[in-house]
């Protein structure tokens, strides 16, 4: 490699190192700010006489609400072996009575 190629490579490498240092400094500043916020809340909780365990217990008891999917409309009507009218959405396993008719 020529000296000019090496100098160009060194310049690019130096630029990458500087960018990484700036990223690390920004990340450290953000972490420091986050830690300061957390410490503020720790002090506030301590001043109020609330323990971390009590706070976790309070938050942990909140029920998680699961959304229930709406029922699918039936696509097929058929009579089973007892003559009862049944329906099937077309999803999942084929009902035995329908499978027998298909076979």
PDB file of N, CA and C in Angstrom:
ATOM      1  N   UNK A   1       0.836  -1.168   0.000  1.00  0.00           N
ATOM      2  CA  UNK A   1       0.000   0.000   0.000  1.00  0.00           C
ATOM      3  C   UNK A   1       0.893   1.246   0.000  1.00  0.00           C
ATOM      4  N   UNK A   2       0.396   2.254  -0.632  1.00  0.00           N
ATOM      5  CA  UNK A   2       1.171   3.490  -0.665  1.00  0.00           C
ATOM      6  C   UNK A   2       0.915   4.296   0.606  1.00  0.00           C
ATOM      7  N   UNK A   3       1.761   5.260   0.840  1.00  0.00           N
ATOM      8  CA  UNK A   3       1.651   6.097   2.029  1.00  0.00           C
ATOM      9  C   UNK A   3       0.357   6.904   1.988  1.00  0.00           C
ATOM     10  N   UNK A   4      -0.041   7.390   0.832  1.00  0.00           N
ATOM     11  CA  UNK A   4      -1.276   8.174   0.738  1.00  0.00           C
ATOM     12  C   UNK A   4      -2.500   7.315   1.059  1.00  0.00           C
ATOM     13  N   UNK A   5      -2.491   6.045   0.631  1.00  0.00           N
ATOM     14  CA  UNK A   5      -3.589   5.133   0.964  1.00  0.00           C
ATOM     15  C   UNK A   5      -3.647   4.882   2.471  1.00  0.00           C
ATOM     16  N   UNK A   6      -2.479   4.699   3.082  1.00  0.00           N
ATOM     17  CA  UNK A   6      -2.429   4.472   4.522  1.00  0.00           C
ATOM     18  C   UNK A   6      -2.913   5.701   5.292  1.00  0.00           C
ATOM     19  N   UNK A   7      -2.517   6.892   4.829  1.00  0.00           N
ATOM     20  CA  UNK A   7      -2.954   8.121   5.489  1.00  0.00           C
ATOM     21  C   UNK A   7      -4.469   8.291   5.363  1.00  0.00           C
ATOM     22  N   UNK A   8      -5.010   7.965   4.188  1.00  0.00           N
ATOM     23  CA  UNK A   8      -6.453   8.046   3.984  1.00  0.00           C
ATOM     24  C   UNK A   8      -7.182   7.072   4.909  1.00  0.00           C
ATOM     25  N   UNK A   9      -6.651   5.845   5.020  1.00  0.00           N
ATOM     26  CA  UNK A   9      -7.229   4.847   5.917  1.00  0.00           C
ATOM     27  C   UNK A   9      -7.160   5.300   7.363  1.00  0.00           C
ATOM     28  N   UNK A  10      -6.038   5.906   7.757  1.00  0.00           N
ATOM     29  CA  UNK A  10      -5.879   6.406   9.115  1.00  0.00           C
ATOM     30  C   UNK A  10      -6.890   7.509   9.410  1.00  0.00           C
ATOM     31  N   UNK A  11      -7.110   8.389   8.435  1.00  0.00           N
ATOM     32  CA  UNK A  11      -8.062   9.487   8.600  1.00  0.00           C
ATOM     33  C   UNK A  11      -9.482   8.935   8.791  1.00  0.00           C
ATOM     34  N   UNK A  12      -9.862   7.945   8.000  1.00  0.00           N
ATOM     35  CA  UNK A  12     -11.194   7.341   8.127  1.00  0.00           C
ATOM     36  C   UNK A  12     -11.340   6.620   9.473  1.00  0.00           C
ATOM     37  N   UNK A  13     -10.273   5.923   9.850  1.00  0.00           N
ATOM     38  CA  UNK A  13     -10.293   5.202  11.122  1.00  0.00           C
ATOM     39  C   UNK A  13     -10.420   6.187  12.283  1.00  0.00           C
ATOM     40  N   UNK A  14      -9.707   7.264  12.233  1.00  0.00           N
ATOM     41  CA  UNK A  14      -9.767   8.295  13.266  1.00  0.00           C
ATOM     42  C   UNK A  14     -11.168   8.896  13.349  1.00  0.00           C
ATOM     43  N   UNK A  15     -11.786   9.100  12.212  1.00  0.00           N
ATOM     44  CA  UNK A  15     -13.146   9.646  12.167  1.00  0.00           C
ATOM     45  C   UNK A  15     -14.137   8.678  12.822  1.00  0.00           C
ATOM     46  N   UNK A  16     -13.990   7.383  12.532  1.00  0.00           N
ATOM     47  CA  UNK A  16     -14.874   6.379  13.125  1.00  0.00           C
ATOM     48  C   UNK A  16     -14.690   6.345  14.639  1.00  0.00           C
ATOM     49  N   UNK A  17     -13.433   6.414  15.100  1.00  0.00           N
ATOM     50  CA  UNK A  17     -13.159   6.398  16.538  1.00  0.00           C
ATOM     51  C   UNK A  17     -13.794   7.607  17.213  1.00  0.00           C
ATOM     52  N   UNK A  18     -13.705   8.767  16.619  1.00  0.00           N
ATOM     53  CA  UNK A  18     -14.301   9.985  17.182  1.00  0.00           C
ATOM     54  C   UNK A  18     -15.828   9.872  17.248  1.00  0.00           C
ATOM     55  N   UNK A  19     -16.433   9.318  16.215  1.00  0.00           N
ATOM     56  CA  UNK A  19     -17.884   9.126  16.218  1.00  0.00           C
ATOM     57  C   UNK A  19     -18.306   8.188  17.346  1.00  0.00           C
ATOM     58  N   UNK A  20     -17.547   7.123  17.537  1.00  0.00           N
ATOM     59  CA  UNK A  20     -17.855   6.171  18.605  1.00  0.00           C
ATOM     60  C   UNK A  20     -17.711   6.843  19.972  1.00  0.00           C
ATOM     61  N   UNK A  21     -16.686   7.652  20.145  1.00  0.00           N
ATOM     62  CA  UNK A  21     -16.499   8.358  21.414  1.00  0.00           C
ATOM     63  C   UNK A  21     -17.674   9.290  21.682  1.00  0.00           C
ATOM     64  N   UNK A  22     -18.134   9.994  20.647  1.00  0.00           N
ATOM     65  CA  UNK A  22     -19.278  10.891  20.807  1.00  0.00           C
ATOM     66  C   UNK A  22     -20.536  10.110  21.175  1.00  0.00           C
ATOM     67  N   UNK A  23     -20.733   8.949  20.537  1.00  0.00           N
ATOM     68  CA  UNK A  23     -21.890   8.105  20.846  1.00  0.00           C
ATOM     69  C   UNK A  23     -21.843   7.629  22.290  1.00  0.00           C
ATOM     70  N   UNK A  24     -20.656   7.196  22.743  1.00  0.00           N
ATOM     71  CA  UNK A  24     -20.501   6.735  24.118  1.00  0.00           C
ATOM     72  C   UNK A  24     -20.758   7.858  25.103  1.00  0.00           C
ATOM     73  N   UNK A  25     -20.263   9.052  24.791  1.00  0.00           N
ATOM     74  CA  UNK A  25     -20.474  10.194  25.681  1.00  0.00           C
ATOM     75  C   UNK A  25     -21.955  10.534  25.774  1.00  0.00           C
ATOM     76  N   UNK A  26     -22.655  10.491  24.644  1.00  0.00           N
ATOM     77  CA  UNK A  26     -24.093  10.767  24.649  1.00  0.00           C
ATOM     78  C   UNK A  26     -24.836   9.706  25.453  1.00  0.00           C
ATOM     79  N   UNK A  27     -24.441   8.451  25.309  1.00  0.00           N
ATOM     80  CA  UNK A  27     -25.090   7.359  26.034  1.00  0.00           C
ATOM     81  C   UNK A  27     -24.841   7.492  27.533  1.00  0.00           C
ATOM     82  N   UNK A  28     -23.609   7.846  27.918  1.00  0.00           N
ATOM     83  CA  UNK A  28     -23.297   8.028  29.339  1.00  0.00           C
ATOM     84  C   UNK A  28     -24.106   9.182  29.922  1.00  0.00           C
ATOM     85  N   UNK A  29     -24.251  10.262  29.153  1.00  0.00           N
ATOM     86  CA  UNK A  29     -25.030  11.405  29.624  1.00  0.00           C
ATOM     87  C   UNK A  29     -26.488  11.006  29.817  1.00  0.00           C
ATOM     88  N   UNK A  30     -27.015  10.225  28.893  1.00  0.00           N
ATOM     89  CA  UNK A  30     -28.404   9.780  28.994  1.00  0.00           C
ATOM     90  C   UNK A  30     -28.572   8.863  30.207  1.00  0.00           C
ATOM     91  N   UNK A  31     -27.617   7.956  30.420  1.00  0.00           N
ATOM     92  CA  UNK A  31     -27.690   7.057  31.574  1.00  0.00           C
ATOM     93  C   UNK A  31     -27.598   7.841  32.882  1.00  0.00           C
ATOM     94  N   UNK A  32     -26.749   8.861  32.896  1.00  0.00           N
ATOM     95  CA  UNK A  32     -26.595   9.681  34.092  1.00  0.00           C
ATOM     96  C   UNK A  32     -27.898  10.423  34.392  1.00  0.00           C
ATOM     97  N   UNK A  33     -28.532  10.948  33.363  1.00  0.00           N
ATOM     98  CA  UNK A  33     -29.807  11.650  33.523  1.00  0.00           C
ATOM     99  C   UNK A  33     -30.885  10.692  34.036  1.00  0.00           C
ATOM    100  N   UNK A  34     -30.924   9.488  33.492  1.00  0.00           N
ATOM    101  CA  UNK A  34     -31.892   8.473  33.916  1.00  0.00           C
ATOM    102  C   UNK A  34     -31.663   8.101  35.376  1.00  0.00           C
ATOM    103  N   UNK A  35     -30.407   7.926  35.755  1.00  0.00           N
ATOM    104  CA  UNK A  35     -30.074   7.577  37.136  1.00  0.00           C
ATOM    105  C   UNK A  35     -30.472   8.704  38.087  1.00  0.00           C
ATOM    106  N   UNK A  36     -30.291   9.953  37.662  1.00  0.00           N
ATOM    107  CA  UNK A  36     -30.687  11.092  38.494  1.00  0.00           C
ATOM    108  C   UNK A  36     -32.201  11.092  38.707  1.00  0.00           C
ATOM    109  N   UNK A  37     -32.958  10.790  37.671  1.00  0.00           N
ATOM    110  CA  UNK A  37     -34.418  10.724  37.798  1.00  0.00           C
ATOM    111  C   UNK A  37     -34.827   9.610  38.763  1.00  0.00           C
ATOM    112  N   UNK A  38     -34.185   8.438  38.613  1.00  0.00           N
ATOM    113  CA  UNK A  38     -34.503   7.320  39.494  1.00  0.00           C
ATOM    114  C   UNK A  38     -34.174   7.657  40.943  1.00  0.00           C
ATOM    115  N   UNK A  39     -33.049   8.313  41.173  1.00  0.00           N
ATOM    116  CA  UNK A  39     -32.656   8.688  42.527  1.00  0.00           C
ATOM    117  C   UNK A  39     -33.659   9.672  43.123  1.00  0.00           C
ATOM    118  N   UNK A  40     -34.161  10.587  42.302  1.00  0.00           N
ATOM    119  CA  UNK A  40     -35.164  11.550  42.761  1.00  0.00           C
ATOM    120  C   UNK A  40     -36.399  10.813  43.268  1.00  0.00           C
ATOM    121  N   UNK A  41     -36.842   9.784  42.521  1.00  0.00           N
ATOM    122  CA  UNK A  41     -38.019   9.024  42.931  1.00  0.00           C
ATOM    123  C   UNK A  41     -37.722   8.143  44.145  1.00  0.00           C
ATOM    124  N   UNK A  42     -36.509   7.610  44.235  1.00  0.00           N
ATOM    125  CA  UNK A  42     -36.142   6.831  45.431  1.00  0.00           C
ATOM    126  C   UNK A  42     -36.230   7.710  46.671  1.00  0.00           C
ATOM    127  N   UNK A  43     -35.676   8.915  46.564  1.00  0.00           N
ATOM    128  CA  UNK A  43     -35.697   9.845  47.694  1.00  0.00           C
ATOM    129  C   UNK A  43     -37.130  10.218  48.058  1.00  0.00           C
ATOM    130  N   UNK A  44     -37.961  10.456  47.061  1.00  0.00           N
ATOM    131  CA  UNK A  44     -39.354  10.815  47.297  1.00  0.00           C
ATOM    132  C   UNK A  44     -40.098   9.673  47.994  1.00  0.00           C
ATOM    133  N   UNK A  45     -39.883   8.445  47.523  1.00  0.00           N
ATOM    134  CA  UNK A  45     -40.531   7.288  48.151  1.00  0.00           C
ATOM    135  C   UNK A  45     -40.051   7.112  49.585  1.00  0.00           C
ATOM    136  N   UNK A  46     -38.758   7.294  49.798  1.00  0.00           N
ATOM    137  CA  UNK A  46     -38.201   7.152  51.141  1.00  0.00           C
ATOM    138  C   UNK A  46     -38.770   8.221  52.073  1.00  0.00           C
ATOM    139  N   UNK A  47     -38.917   9.428  51.562  1.00  0.00           N
ATOM    140  CA  UNK A  47     -39.474  10.516  52.378  1.00  0.00           C
ATOM    141  C   UNK A  47     -40.924  10.236  52.758  1.00  0.00           C
ATOM    142  N   UNK A  48     -41.655   9.574  51.880  1.00  0.00           N
ATOM    143  CA  UNK A  48     -43.055   9.246  52.135  1.00  0.00           C
ATOM    144  C   UNK A  48     -43.218   7.958  52.939  1.00  0.00           C
ATOM    145  N   UNK A  49     -42.125   7.234  53.145  1.00  0.00           N
ATOM    146  CA  UNK A  49     -42.184   6.005  53.925  1.00  0.00           C
ATOM    147  C   UNK A  49     -42.685   4.806  53.146  1.00  0.00           C
ATOM    148  N   UNK A  50     -42.545   4.843  51.845  1.00  0.00           N
ATOM    149  CA  UNK A  50     -42.988   3.730  50.995  1.00  0.00           C
ATOM    150  C   UNK A  50     -41.766   2.905  50.623  1.00  0.00           C
ATOM    151  N   UNK A  51     -41.863   1.584  50.818  1.00  0.00           N
ATOM    152  CA  UNK A  51     -40.745   0.709  50.463  1.00  0.00           C
ATOM    153  C   UNK A  51     -40.891   0.237  49.020  1.00  0.00           C
ATOM    154  N   UNK A  52     -39.786  -0.214  48.475  1.00  0.00           N
ATOM    155  CA  UNK A  52     -39.798  -0.711  47.099  1.00  0.00           C
ATOM    156  C   UNK A  52     -40.707  -1.931  46.974  1.00  0.00           C
ATOM    157  N   UNK A  53     -40.730  -2.775  48.010  1.00  0.00           N
ATOM    158  CA  UNK A  53     -41.563  -3.969  47.987  1.00  0.00           C
ATOM    159  C   UNK A  53     -43.051  -3.603  47.917  1.00  0.00           C
ATOM    160  N   UNK A  54     -43.429  -2.562  48.670  1.00  0.00           N
ATOM    161  CA  UNK A  54     -44.824  -2.124  48.635  1.00  0.00           C
ATOM    162  C   UNK A  54     -45.198  -1.596  47.260  1.00  0.00           C
ATOM    163  N   UNK A  55     -44.284  -0.872  46.655  1.00  0.00           N
ATOM    164  CA  UNK A  55     -44.543  -0.322  45.323  1.00  0.00           C
ATOM    165  C   UNK A  55     -44.666  -1.437  44.294  1.00  0.00           C
ATOM    166  N   UNK A  56     -43.776  -2.412  44.366  1.00  0.00           N
ATOM    167  CA  UNK A  56     -43.833  -3.545  43.431  1.00  0.00           C
ATOM    168  C   UNK A  56     -45.116  -4.335  43.636  1.00  0.00           C
ATOM    169  N   UNK A  57     -45.504  -4.513  44.888  1.00  0.00           N
ATOM    170  CA  UNK A  57     -46.739  -5.251  45.162  1.00  0.00           C
ATOM    171  C   UNK A  57     -47.940  -4.508  44.602  1.00  0.00           C
ATOM    172  N   UNK A  58     -47.923  -3.195  44.717  1.00  0.00           N
ATOM    173  CA  UNK A  58     -49.029  -2.398  44.201  1.00  0.00           C
ATOM    174  C   UNK A  58     -49.106  -2.488  42.682  1.00  0.00           C
ATOM    175  N   UNK A  59     -47.989  -2.378  42.033  1.00  0.00           N
ATOM    176  CA  UNK A  59     -47.959  -2.424  40.569  1.00  0.00           C
ATOM    177  C   UNK A  59     -48.214  -3.837  40.067  1.00  0.00           C
ATOM    178  N   UNK A  60     -47.704  -4.833  40.768  1.00  0.00           N
ATOM    179  CA  UNK A  60     -47.841  -6.222  40.344  1.00  0.00           C
ATOM    180  C   UNK A  60     -49.254  -6.731  40.403  1.00  0.00           C
ATOM    181  N   UNK A  61     -50.112  -6.115  41.221  1.00  0.00           N
ATOM    182  CA  UNK A  61     -51.486  -6.572  41.365  1.00  0.00           C
ATOM    183  C   UNK A  61     -52.396  -6.075  40.252  1.00  0.00           C
ATOM    184  N   UNK A  62     -51.918  -5.155  39.443  1.00  0.00           N
ATOM    185  CA  UNK A  62     -52.766  -4.618  38.379  1.00  0.00           C
ATOM    186  C   UNK A  62     -53.066  -5.721  37.365  1.00  0.00           C
ATOM    187  N   UNK A  63     -54.339  -6.033  37.155  1.00  0.00           N
ATOM    188  CA  UNK A  63     -54.672  -7.107  36.209  1.00  0.00           C
ATOM    189  C   UNK A  63     -54.386  -6.675  34.767  1.00  0.00           C
ATOM    190  N   UNK A  64     -53.861  -7.602  34.032  1.00  0.00           N
ATOM    191  CA  UNK A  64     -53.617  -7.351  32.615  1.00  0.00           C
ATOM    192  C   UNK A  64     -54.855  -7.764  31.835  1.00  0.00           C
ATOM    193  N   UNK A  65     -55.335  -6.854  31.032  1.00  0.00           N
ATOM    194  CA  UNK A  65     -56.557  -7.098  30.284  1.00  0.00           C
ATOM    195  C   UNK A  65     -56.192  -7.627  28.908  1.00  0.00           C
ATOM    196  N   UNK A  66     -56.692  -8.810  28.611  1.00  0.00           N
ATOM    197  CA  UNK A  66     -56.475  -9.381  27.292  1.00  0.00           C
ATOM    198  C   UNK A  66     -57.709  -9.112  26.446  1.00  0.00           C
ATOM    199  N   UNK A  67     -57.460  -8.680  25.235  1.00  0.00           N
ATOM    200  CA  UNK A  67     -58.584  -8.456  24.337  1.00  0.00           C
ATOM    201  C   UNK A  67     -59.017  -9.794  23.765  1.00  0.00           C
ATOM    202  N   UNK A  68     -60.305 -10.022  23.822  1.00  0.00           N
ATOM    203  CA  UNK A  68     -60.825 -11.265  23.287  1.00  0.00           C
ATOM    204  C   UNK A  68     -61.216 -11.032  21.837  1.00  0.00           C
ATOM    205  N   UNK A  69     -60.811 -11.953  21.008  1.00  0.00           N
ATOM    206  CA  UNK A  69     -61.112 -11.872  19.582  1.00  0.00           C
ATOM    207  C   UNK A  69     -62.597 -12.126  19.371  1.00  0.00           C
ATOM    208  N   UNK A  70     -63.165 -11.403  18.447  1.00  0.00           N
ATOM    209  CA  UNK A  70     -64.581 -11.585  18.134  1.00  0.00           C
ATOM    210  C   UNK A  70     -64.806 -12.971  17.520  1.00  0.00           C
ATOM    211  N   UNK A  71     -65.930 -13.572  17.854  1.00  0.00           N
ATOM    212  CA  UNK A  71     -66.244 -14.895  17.332  1.00  0.00           C
ATOM    213  C   UNK A  71     -66.417 -14.826  15.813  1.00  0.00           C
ATOM    214  N   UNK A  72     -65.929 -15.841  15.159  1.00  0.00           N
ATOM    215  CA  UNK A  72     -66.055 -15.891  13.701  1.00  0.00           C
ATOM    216  C   UNK A  72     -67.443 -16.385  13.324  1.00  0.00           C
ATOM    217  N   UNK A  73     -67.913 -15.886  12.216  1.00  0.00           N
ATOM    218  CA  UNK A  73     -69.220 -16.314  11.737  1.00  0.00           C
ATOM    219  C   UNK A  73     -69.115 -17.699  11.112  1.00  0.00           C
ATOM    220  N   UNK A  74     -70.171 -18.483  11.286  1.00  0.00           N
ATOM    221  CA  UNK A  74     -70.196 -19.826  10.723  1.00  0.00           C
ATOM    222  C   UNK A  74     -70.358 -19.752   9.209  1.00  0.00           C
ATOM    223  N   UNK A  75     -69.567 -20.567   8.502  1.00  0.00           N
ATOM    224  CA  UNK A  75     -69.650 -20.609   7.038  1.00  0.00           C
ATOM    225  C   UNK A  75     -70.486 -21.795   6.562  1.00  0.00           C
ATOM    226  N   UNK A  76     -70.491 -22.860   7.373  1.00  0.00           N
ATOM    227  CA  UNK A  76     -71.124 -24.102   6.928  1.00  0.00           C
ATOM    228  C   UNK A  76     -72.159 -24.575   7.943  1.00  0.00           C
ATOM    229  N   UNK A  77     -73.282 -25.077   7.416  1.00  0.00           N
ATOM    230  CA  UNK A  77     -74.301 -25.724   8.244  1.00  0.00           C
ATOM    231  C   UNK A  77     -74.389 -27.172   7.791  1.00  0.00           C
ATOM    232  N   UNK A  78     -74.519 -28.064   8.760  1.00  0.00           N
ATOM    233  CA  UNK A  78     -74.629 -29.480   8.431  1.00  0.00           C
ATOM    234  C   UNK A  78     -75.389 -30.174   9.556  1.00  0.00           C
ATOM    235  N   UNK A  79     -75.830 -31.381   9.261  1.00  0.00           N
ATOM    236  CA  UNK A  79     -76.530 -32.183  10.262  1.00  0.00           C
ATOM    237  C   UNK A  79     -75.595 -33.282  10.724  1.00  0.00           C
ATOM    238  N   UNK A  80     -75.471 -33.448  12.046  1.00  0.00           N
ATOM    239  CA  UNK A  80     -74.591 -34.504  12.562  1.00  0.00           C
ATOM    240  C   UNK A  80     -75.318 -35.844  12.529  1.00  0.00           C
ATOM    241  N   UNK A  81     -74.690 -36.889  13.058  1.00  0.00           N
ATOM    242  CA  UNK A  81     -75.268 -38.229  12.988  1.00  0.00           C
ATOM    243  C   UNK A  81     -76.565 -38.364  13.784  1.00  0.00           C
ATOM    244  N   UNK A  82     -76.816 -37.456  14.719  1.00  0.00           N
ATOM    245  CA  UNK A  82     -78.070 -37.462  15.496  1.00  0.00           C
ATOM    246  C   UNK A  82     -79.145 -36.612  14.833  1.00  0.00           C
ATOM    247  N   UNK A  83     -78.832 -35.995  13.725  1.00  0.00           N
ATOM    248  CA  UNK A  83     -79.793 -35.174  13.016  1.00  0.00           C
ATOM    249  C   UNK A  83     -79.852 -33.732  13.518  1.00  0.00           C
ATOM    250  N   UNK A  84     -78.969 -33.381  14.458  1.00  0.00           N
ATOM    251  CA  UNK A  84     -78.937 -32.021  14.976  1.00  0.00           C
ATOM    252  C   UNK A  84     -78.207 -31.113  13.992  1.00  0.00           C
ATOM    253  N   UNK A  85     -78.744 -29.924  13.818  1.00  0.00           N
ATOM    254  CA  UNK A  85     -78.112 -28.974  12.905  1.00  0.00           C
ATOM    255  C   UNK A  85     -76.927 -28.316  13.614  1.00  0.00           C
ATOM    256  N   UNK A  86     -75.771 -28.360  12.981  1.00  0.00           N
ATOM    257  CA  UNK A  86     -74.542 -27.786  13.533  1.00  0.00           C
ATOM    258  C   UNK A  86     -73.968 -26.798  12.536  1.00  0.00           C
ATOM    259  N   UNK A  87     -73.060 -25.969  13.018  1.00  0.00           N
ATOM    260  CA  UNK A  87     -72.368 -25.020  12.143  1.00  0.00           C
ATOM    261  C   UNK A  87     -70.868 -25.163  12.341  1.00  0.00           C
ATOM    262  N   UNK A  88     -70.115 -24.703  11.345  1.00  0.00           N
ATOM    263  CA  UNK A  88     -68.650 -24.756  11.395  1.00  0.00           C
ATOM    264  C   UNK A  88     -68.108 -23.522  10.694  1.00  0.00           C
ATOM    265  N   UNK A  89     -67.099 -22.910  11.267  1.00  0.00           N
ATOM    266  CA  UNK A  89     -66.527 -21.684  10.700  1.00  0.00           C
ATOM    267  C   UNK A  89     -65.589 -21.953   9.541  1.00  0.00           C
ATOM    268  N   UNK A  90     -65.134 -23.183   9.412  1.00  0.00           N
ATOM    269  CA  UNK A  90     -64.137 -23.489   8.385  1.00  0.00           C
ATOM    270  C   UNK A  90     -62.732 -23.417   8.951  1.00  0.00           C
ATOM    271  N   UNK A  91     -62.619 -23.045  10.212  1.00  0.00           N
ATOM    272  CA  UNK A  91     -61.328 -22.966  10.888  1.00  0.00           C
ATOM    273  C   UNK A  91     -61.152 -24.179  11.783  1.00  0.00           C
ATOM    274  N   UNK A  92     -59.934 -24.649  11.866  1.00  0.00           N
ATOM    275  CA  UNK A  92     -59.654 -25.765  12.756  1.00  0.00           C
ATOM    276  C   UNK A  92     -60.003 -27.104  12.131  1.00  0.00           C
ATOM    277  N   UNK A  93     -60.088 -28.086  12.994  1.00  0.00           N
ATOM    278  CA  UNK A  93     -60.336 -29.446  12.557  1.00  0.00           C
ATOM    279  C   UNK A  93     -61.752 -29.592  11.995  1.00  0.00           C
ATOM    280  N   UNK A  94     -61.859 -30.362  10.912  1.00  0.00           N
ATOM    281  CA  UNK A  94     -63.168 -30.596  10.294  1.00  0.00           C
ATOM    282  C   UNK A  94     -63.999 -31.474  11.226  1.00  0.00           C
ATOM    283  N   UNK A  95     -65.236 -31.086  11.496  1.00  0.00           N
ATOM    284  CA  UNK A  95     -66.094 -31.897  12.359  1.00  0.00           C
ATOM    285  C   UNK A  95     -66.256 -33.318  11.794  1.00  0.00           C
ATOM    286  N   UNK A  96     -66.393 -34.265  12.692  1.00  0.00           N
ATOM    287  CA  UNK A  96     -66.452 -35.678  12.317  1.00  0.00           C
ATOM    288  C   UNK A  96     -67.579 -35.953  11.323  1.00  0.00           C
ATOM    289  N   UNK A  97     -68.749 -35.395  11.564  1.00  0.00           N
ATOM    290  CA  UNK A  97     -69.902 -35.639  10.683  1.00  0.00           C
ATOM    291  C   UNK A  97     -69.620 -35.097   9.285  1.00  0.00           C
ATOM    292  N   UNK A  98     -69.003 -33.930   9.182  1.00  0.00           N
ATOM    293  CA  UNK A  98     -68.667 -33.363   7.892  1.00  0.00           C
ATOM    294  C   UNK A  98     -67.587 -34.166   7.187  1.00  0.00           C
ATOM    295  N   UNK A  99     -66.599 -34.623   7.950  1.00  0.00           N
ATOM    296  CA  UNK A  99     -65.523 -35.411   7.378  1.00  0.00           C
ATOM    297  C   UNK A  99     -66.041 -36.729   6.817  1.00  0.00           C
ATOM    298  N   UNK A 100     -66.992 -37.325   7.501  1.00  0.00           N
ATOM    299  CA  UNK A 100     -67.574 -38.560   7.001  1.00  0.00           C
ATOM    300  C   UNK A 100     -68.297 -38.319   5.676  1.00  0.00           C
ATOM    301  N   UNK A 101     -69.003 -37.200   5.572  1.00  0.00           N
ATOM    302  CA  UNK A 101     -69.694 -36.872   4.312  1.00  0.00           C
ATOM    303  C   UNK A 101     -68.694 -36.614   3.185  1.00  0.00           C
ATOM    304  N   UNK A 102     -67.587 -35.954   3.529  1.00  0.00           N
ATOM    305  CA  UNK A 102     -66.564 -35.663   2.519  1.00  0.00           C
ATOM    306  C   UNK A 102     -65.863 -36.938   2.042  1.00  0.00           C
ATOM    307  N   UNK A 103     -65.660 -37.868   2.970  1.00  0.00           N
ATOM    308  CA  UNK A 103     -64.990 -39.133   2.600  1.00  0.00           C
ATOM    309  C   UNK A 103     -65.920 -39.924   1.709  1.00  0.00           C
TER     310      UNK A 103
END
